[in-house]
Amino acid sequence: MTRLNAVTTTIYIAQGEHAIGDRPEHVISTILGSCVAVCLWDRVRRIGGMNHILLPESARTDMLTRSVGAGAMEALINAMLKVGAMKSDFDAKVFGGAAVVAGLSDIGERNGSFALDYLATERIPVISQSLGGTQARRIRFWPESGRVSQKLVVSSEAPAPVAAKPAANDLELL
C-alpha cells in the first residue's frame, strides 16, 4: 500500500496494488483492460483510495491474494479505515472490465460483476461506473475531492485492416 504524502503528488498503481491520499495535489493513476479499479472516497473526511483488481477470485493463497477480488477490496478498505476514514461515509466509482482481446474470456465482465456485488454486500453506494466495452481505460483519481477522469485508450496492437483488391465483378462500398 502506498500512502501519498506532501512530497509525492502522483502515483501509478499496477495490478494488486492500492494507494490512498487526502490532499488536493494527490493523484492516483492506473491503466485498465479487463482489470477493475474501485475508487473509494470518504466524502466527509475527504480521504480516498483506489485499487487495481486483477481477478474476481483465485484458489491460490500467496501474494496473488492482494490482486484478487475480496483481498484487494479488504486491503483498500482497511488502509482507509487505518487513516481515519469511516466506511459509513464511503462512495464508490468503478472502472474497467473491458473485453480487450475478443474471444479470450469473460474475465472483464466477471471482474466488474464482482466489484459491484462486493460493494452492494458491504452497503457502499456506487455513485458512478464505467464497465465493459472493448477499450482499455486510463484512470486518474483525485482522492481528496473524489474526482475521477477516464480516458479510453486506443489500441495500438490492433492490426491495420488489409484492403483486398476487388475482383472485376465485385462491388466495393466505402
C-alpha atoms as a PDB file:
ATOM      1  CA  MET A   1       0.000   0.000   0.000  1.00  0.00           C
ATOM      2  CA  THR A   2       1.158   3.462  -0.767  1.00  0.00           C
ATOM      3  CA  ARG A   3       0.039   6.500   1.138  1.00  0.00           C
ATOM      4  CA  LEU A   4       0.721   9.702  -0.707  1.00  0.00           C
ATOM      5  CA  ASN A   5       2.489  12.372   1.344  1.00  0.00           C
ATOM      6  CA  ALA A   6       3.394  16.036   0.945  1.00  0.00           C
ATOM      7  CA  VAL A   7       6.292  15.167  -1.388  1.00  0.00           C
ATOM      8  CA  THR A   8       4.524  12.562  -3.530  1.00  0.00           C
ATOM      9  CA  THR A   9       1.791  14.017  -5.709  1.00  0.00           C
ATOM     10  CA  THR A  10       1.103  11.346  -8.336  1.00  0.00           C
ATOM     11  CA  ILE A  11       1.406   7.596  -8.051  1.00  0.00           C
ATOM     12  CA  TYR A  12       0.755   4.866 -10.580  1.00  0.00           C
ATOM     13  CA  ILE A  13      -0.697   1.613  -9.253  1.00  0.00           C
ATOM     14  CA  ALA A  14      -0.361  -1.727 -11.019  1.00  0.00           C
ATOM     15  CA  GLN A  15      -2.244  -4.999 -10.636  1.00  0.00           C
ATOM     16  CA  GLY A  16      -2.706  -5.934  -6.995  1.00  0.00           C
ATOM     17  CA  GLU A  17      -1.720  -2.526  -5.678  1.00  0.00           C
ATOM     18  CA  HIS A  18      -3.676   0.232  -3.977  1.00  0.00           C
ATOM     19  CA  ALA A  19      -2.962   3.732  -2.769  1.00  0.00           C
ATOM     20  CA  ILE A  20      -4.679   6.337  -0.615  1.00  0.00           C
ATOM     21  CA  GLY A  21      -4.389  10.103  -0.289  1.00  0.00           C
ATOM     22  CA  ASP A  22      -6.055  13.124   1.264  1.00  0.00           C
ATOM     23  CA  ARG A  23      -4.564  16.297  -0.270  1.00  0.00           C
ATOM     24  CA  PRO A  24      -5.743  18.309  -3.282  1.00  0.00           C
ATOM     25  CA  GLU A  25      -2.459  17.696  -5.125  1.00  0.00           C
ATOM     26  CA  HIS A  26      -2.606  13.903  -4.759  1.00  0.00           C
ATOM     27  CA  VAL A  27      -3.437  11.869  -7.881  1.00  0.00           C
ATOM     28  CA  ILE A  28      -3.645   8.075  -8.192  1.00  0.00           C
ATOM     29  CA  SER A  29      -3.425   6.661 -11.712  1.00  0.00           C
ATOM     30  CA  THR A  30      -3.718   3.290 -13.437  1.00  0.00           C
ATOM     31  CA  ILE A  31      -4.441   1.709 -16.803  1.00  0.00           C
ATOM     32  CA  LEU A  32      -7.118  -0.979 -17.027  1.00  0.00           C
ATOM     33  CA  GLY A  33      -8.070  -3.555 -19.611  1.00  0.00           C
ATOM     34  CA  SER A  34     -10.076  -6.451 -18.198  1.00  0.00           C
ATOM     35  CA  CYS A  35      -8.981  -5.476 -14.684  1.00  0.00           C
ATOM     36  CA  VAL A  36     -11.189  -3.299 -12.500  1.00  0.00           C
ATOM     37  CA  ALA A  37     -10.332  -0.330 -10.302  1.00  0.00           C
ATOM     38  CA  VAL A  38     -12.522   0.745  -7.415  1.00  0.00           C
ATOM     39  CA  CYS A  39     -12.141   4.340  -6.277  1.00  0.00           C
ATOM     40  CA  LEU A  40     -13.407   4.770  -2.714  1.00  0.00           C
ATOM     41  CA  TRP A  41     -13.959   8.199  -1.227  1.00  0.00           C
ATOM     42  CA  ASP A  42     -14.892   9.227   2.296  1.00  0.00           C
ATOM     43  CA  ARG A  43     -16.969  12.290   1.418  1.00  0.00           C
ATOM     44  CA  VAL A  44     -16.872  13.671   4.996  1.00  0.00           C
ATOM     45  CA  ARG A  45     -13.161  13.302   5.810  1.00  0.00           C
ATOM     46  CA  ARG A  46     -12.063  13.780   2.183  1.00  0.00           C
ATOM     47  CA  ILE A  47      -9.852  10.674   2.102  1.00  0.00           C
ATOM     48  CA  GLY A  48      -9.790   8.472  -0.965  1.00  0.00           C
ATOM     49  CA  GLY A  49      -8.131   5.391  -2.327  1.00  0.00           C
ATOM     50  CA  MET A  50      -8.007   3.242  -5.435  1.00  0.00           C
ATOM     51  CA  ASN A  51      -7.170  -0.410  -6.017  1.00  0.00           C
ATOM     52  CA  HIS A  52      -6.439  -2.459  -9.147  1.00  0.00           C
ATOM     53  CA  ILE A  53      -8.215  -5.848  -9.162  1.00  0.00           C
ATOM     54  CA  LEU A  54      -6.732  -8.498 -11.462  1.00  0.00           C
ATOM     55  CA  LEU A  55      -9.181 -11.383 -10.940  1.00  0.00           C
ATOM     56  CA  PRO A  56     -12.502 -11.835  -9.124  1.00  0.00           C
ATOM     57  CA  GLU A  57     -11.285 -14.979  -7.321  1.00  0.00           C
ATOM     58  CA  SER A  58      -8.408 -17.441  -7.141  1.00  0.00           C
ATOM     59  CA  ALA A  59      -7.612 -20.747  -5.480  1.00  0.00           C
ATOM     60  CA  ARG A  60      -4.083 -19.510  -4.702  1.00  0.00           C
ATOM     61  CA  THR A  61      -3.231 -18.159  -1.260  1.00  0.00           C
ATOM     62  CA  ASP A  62       0.109 -16.432  -1.856  1.00  0.00           C
ATOM     63  CA  MET A  63       0.949 -12.842  -2.813  1.00  0.00           C
ATOM     64  CA  LEU A  64      -1.610 -13.041  -5.629  1.00  0.00           C
ATOM     65  CA  THR A  65      -4.300 -12.636  -2.958  1.00  0.00           C
ATOM     66  CA  ARG A  66      -3.742  -8.843  -2.898  1.00  0.00           C
ATOM     67  CA  SER A  67      -4.754  -8.593  -6.555  1.00  0.00           C
ATOM     68  CA  VAL A  68      -7.780 -10.855  -6.282  1.00  0.00           C
ATOM     69  CA  GLY A  69     -11.306  -9.704  -5.511  1.00  0.00           C
ATOM     70  CA  ALA A  70     -12.043  -9.749  -1.806  1.00  0.00           C
ATOM     71  CA  GLY A  71      -8.372  -9.449  -0.823  1.00  0.00           C
ATOM     72  CA  ALA A  72      -7.940  -6.327  -2.941  1.00  0.00           C
ATOM     73  CA  MET A  73     -11.129  -4.762  -1.597  1.00  0.00           C
ATOM     74  CA  GLU A  74     -10.328  -5.580   2.037  1.00  0.00           C
ATOM     75  CA  ALA A  75      -6.811  -4.162   1.676  1.00  0.00           C
ATOM     76  CA  LEU A  76      -8.148  -0.859   0.315  1.00  0.00           C
ATOM     77  CA  ILE A  77     -10.948  -0.526   2.868  1.00  0.00           C
ATOM     78  CA  ASN A  78      -8.640  -1.393   5.782  1.00  0.00           C
ATOM     79  CA  ALA A  79      -5.974   1.082   4.612  1.00  0.00           C
ATOM     80  CA  MET A  80      -8.572   3.846   4.509  1.00  0.00           C
ATOM     81  CA  LEU A  81     -10.009   2.937   7.923  1.00  0.00           C
ATOM     82  CA  LYS A  82      -6.492   2.928   9.380  1.00  0.00           C
ATOM     83  CA  VAL A  83      -6.033   6.624   8.489  1.00  0.00           C
ATOM     84  CA  GLY A  84      -9.405   7.695   9.898  1.00  0.00           C
ATOM     85  CA  ALA A  85     -11.942   7.138   7.113  1.00  0.00           C
ATOM     86  CA  MET A  86     -15.397   5.850   8.092  1.00  0.00           C
ATOM     87  CA  LYS A  87     -16.983   3.146   5.962  1.00  0.00           C
ATOM     88  CA  SER A  88     -20.452   4.618   6.508  1.00  0.00           C
ATOM     89  CA  ASP A  89     -19.308   7.721   4.573  1.00  0.00           C
ATOM     90  CA  PHE A  90     -17.812   5.877   1.578  1.00  0.00           C
ATOM     91  CA  ASP A  91     -18.893   6.375  -2.021  1.00  0.00           C
ATOM     92  CA  ALA A  92     -17.505   4.226  -4.833  1.00  0.00           C
ATOM     93  CA  LYS A  93     -16.733   4.686  -8.504  1.00  0.00           C
ATOM     94  CA  VAL A  94     -15.907   1.564 -10.536  1.00  0.00           C
ATOM     95  CA  PHE A  95     -13.999   1.335 -13.832  1.00  0.00           C
ATOM     96  CA  GLY A  96     -12.642  -1.271 -16.246  1.00  0.00           C
ATOM     97  CA  GLY A  97     -13.767  -4.778 -17.040  1.00  0.00           C
ATOM     98  CA  ALA A  98     -13.265  -4.459 -20.800  1.00  0.00           C
ATOM     99  CA  ALA A  99     -13.068  -7.326 -23.269  1.00  0.00           C
ATOM    100  CA  VAL A 100      -9.820  -6.116 -24.815  1.00  0.00           C
ATOM    101  CA  VAL A 101      -8.998  -9.413 -26.540  1.00  0.00           C
ATOM    102  CA  ALA A 102     -12.030 -10.685 -28.455  1.00  0.00           C
ATOM    103  CA  GLY A 103     -12.982 -14.259 -27.663  1.00  0.00           C
ATOM    104  CA  LEU A 104     -10.378 -14.715 -24.937  1.00  0.00           C
ATOM    105  CA  SER A 105     -12.656 -14.949 -21.885  1.00  0.00           C
ATOM    106  CA  ASP A 106     -15.306 -13.132 -19.900  1.00  0.00           C
ATOM    107  CA  ILE A 107     -12.844 -12.092 -17.176  1.00  0.00           C
ATOM    108  CA  GLY A 108     -13.585  -8.378 -17.600  1.00  0.00           C
ATOM    109  CA  GLU A 109     -17.304  -8.939 -17.146  1.00  0.00           C
ATOM    110  CA  ARG A 110     -16.657 -11.176 -14.132  1.00  0.00           C
ATOM    111  CA  ASN A 111     -14.338  -8.563 -12.573  1.00  0.00           C
ATOM    112  CA  GLY A 112     -16.976  -5.843 -12.983  1.00  0.00           C
ATOM    113  CA  SER A 113     -19.726  -8.047 -11.543  1.00  0.00           C
ATOM    114  CA  PHE A 114     -17.534  -8.992  -8.600  1.00  0.00           C
ATOM    115  CA  ALA A 115     -16.790  -5.353  -7.727  1.00  0.00           C
ATOM    116  CA  LEU A 116     -20.439  -4.281  -7.927  1.00  0.00           C
ATOM    117  CA  ASP A 117     -21.614  -7.286  -5.901  1.00  0.00           C
ATOM    118  CA  TYR A 118     -18.933  -6.756  -3.249  1.00  0.00           C
ATOM    119  CA  LEU A 119     -19.819  -3.080  -2.845  1.00  0.00           C
ATOM    120  CA  ALA A 120     -23.540  -3.901  -2.630  1.00  0.00           C
ATOM    121  CA  THR A 121     -22.859  -6.519   0.056  1.00  0.00           C
ATOM    122  CA  GLU A 122     -20.763  -4.001   2.013  1.00  0.00           C
ATOM    123  CA  ARG A 123     -23.500  -1.350   1.538  1.00  0.00           C
ATOM    124  CA  ILE A 124     -21.101   1.059  -0.154  1.00  0.00           C
ATOM    125  CA  PRO A 125     -23.034   3.101  -2.742  1.00  0.00           C
ATOM    126  CA  VAL A 126     -21.711   3.090  -6.293  1.00  0.00           C
ATOM    127  CA  ILE A 127     -22.250   6.646  -7.498  1.00  0.00           C
ATOM    128  CA  SER A 128     -20.766   6.090 -10.961  1.00  0.00           C
ATOM    129  CA  GLN A 129     -19.332   3.341 -13.089  1.00  0.00           C
ATOM    130  CA  SER A 130     -17.823   2.709 -16.486  1.00  0.00           C
ATOM    131  CA  LEU A 131     -17.581  -1.004 -17.089  1.00  0.00           C
ATOM    132  CA  GLY A 132     -17.294  -3.249 -20.128  1.00  0.00           C
ATOM    133  CA  GLY A 133     -16.713  -2.326 -23.720  1.00  0.00           C
ATOM    134  CA  THR A 134     -13.645  -3.258 -25.720  1.00  0.00           C
ATOM    135  CA  GLN A 135     -11.208  -0.451 -24.950  1.00  0.00           C
ATOM    136  CA  ALA A 136      -8.665  -0.061 -22.195  1.00  0.00           C
ATOM    137  CA  ARG A 137      -9.019   2.922 -19.855  1.00  0.00           C
ATOM    138  CA  ARG A 138      -6.575   5.336 -18.244  1.00  0.00           C
ATOM    139  CA  ILE A 139      -7.965   6.335 -14.842  1.00  0.00           C
ATOM    140  CA  ARG A 140      -6.846   9.307 -12.761  1.00  0.00           C
ATOM    141  CA  PHE A 141      -8.314   9.759  -9.272  1.00  0.00           C
ATOM    142  CA  TRP A 142      -8.000  12.800  -7.018  1.00  0.00           C
ATOM    143  CA  PRO A 143      -8.604  11.192  -3.590  1.00  0.00           C
ATOM    144  CA  GLU A 144      -9.195  14.412  -1.655  1.00  0.00           C
ATOM    145  CA  SER A 145     -12.108  15.527  -3.861  1.00  0.00           C
ATOM    146  CA  GLY A 146     -13.370  12.172  -5.161  1.00  0.00           C
ATOM    147  CA  ARG A 147     -12.975  13.403  -8.751  1.00  0.00           C
ATOM    148  CA  VAL A 148     -12.089  10.813 -11.405  1.00  0.00           C
ATOM    149  CA  SER A 149     -11.155  11.209 -15.042  1.00  0.00           C
ATOM    150  CA  GLN A 150     -11.275   8.407 -17.553  1.00  0.00           C
ATOM    151  CA  LYS A 151      -9.650   8.354 -20.971  1.00  0.00           C
ATOM    152  CA  LEU A 152     -10.334   5.498 -23.357  1.00  0.00           C
ATOM    153  CA  VAL A 153      -7.101   4.135 -24.778  1.00  0.00           C
ATOM    154  CA  VAL A 154      -6.947   3.435 -28.477  1.00  0.00           C
ATOM    155  CA  SER A 155      -5.434   0.023 -29.062  1.00  0.00           C
ATOM    156  CA  SER A 156      -2.124   0.256 -30.870  1.00  0.00           C
ATOM    157  CA  GLU A 157      -1.992  -3.523 -31.048  1.00  0.00           C
ATOM    158  CA  ALA A 158      -4.893  -3.892 -33.442  1.00  0.00           C
ATOM    159  CA  PRO A 159      -3.593  -4.790 -36.869  1.00  0.00           C
ATOM    160  CA  ALA A 160      -4.417  -2.350 -39.626  1.00  0.00           C
ATOM    161  CA  PRO A 161      -7.103  -3.687 -41.940  1.00  0.00           C
ATOM    162  CA  VAL A 162      -5.774  -5.041 -45.205  1.00  0.00           C
ATOM    163  CA  ALA A 163      -7.792  -3.930 -48.195  1.00  0.00           C
ATOM    164  CA  ALA A 164      -8.112  -6.676 -50.731  1.00  0.00           C
ATOM    165  CA  LYS A 165      -8.241  -5.599 -54.336  1.00  0.00           C
ATOM    166  CA  PRO A 166     -11.765  -6.272 -55.589  1.00  0.00           C
ATOM    167  CA  ALA A 167     -12.237  -8.673 -58.483  1.00  0.00           C
ATOM    168  CA  ALA A 168     -13.593  -7.253 -61.746  1.00  0.00           C
ATOM    169  CA  ASN A 169     -17.184  -8.229 -60.883  1.00  0.00           C
ATOM    170  CA  ASP A 170     -17.039  -7.154 -57.219  1.00  0.00           C
ATOM    171  CA  LEU A 171     -18.596  -4.033 -55.843  1.00  0.00           C
ATOM    172  CA  GLU A 172     -16.720  -2.158 -53.142  1.00  0.00           C
ATOM    173  CA  LEU A 173     -18.584   0.303 -50.907  1.00  0.00           C
ATOM    174  CA  LEU A 174     -16.539   2.794 -48.982  1.00  0.00           C
END
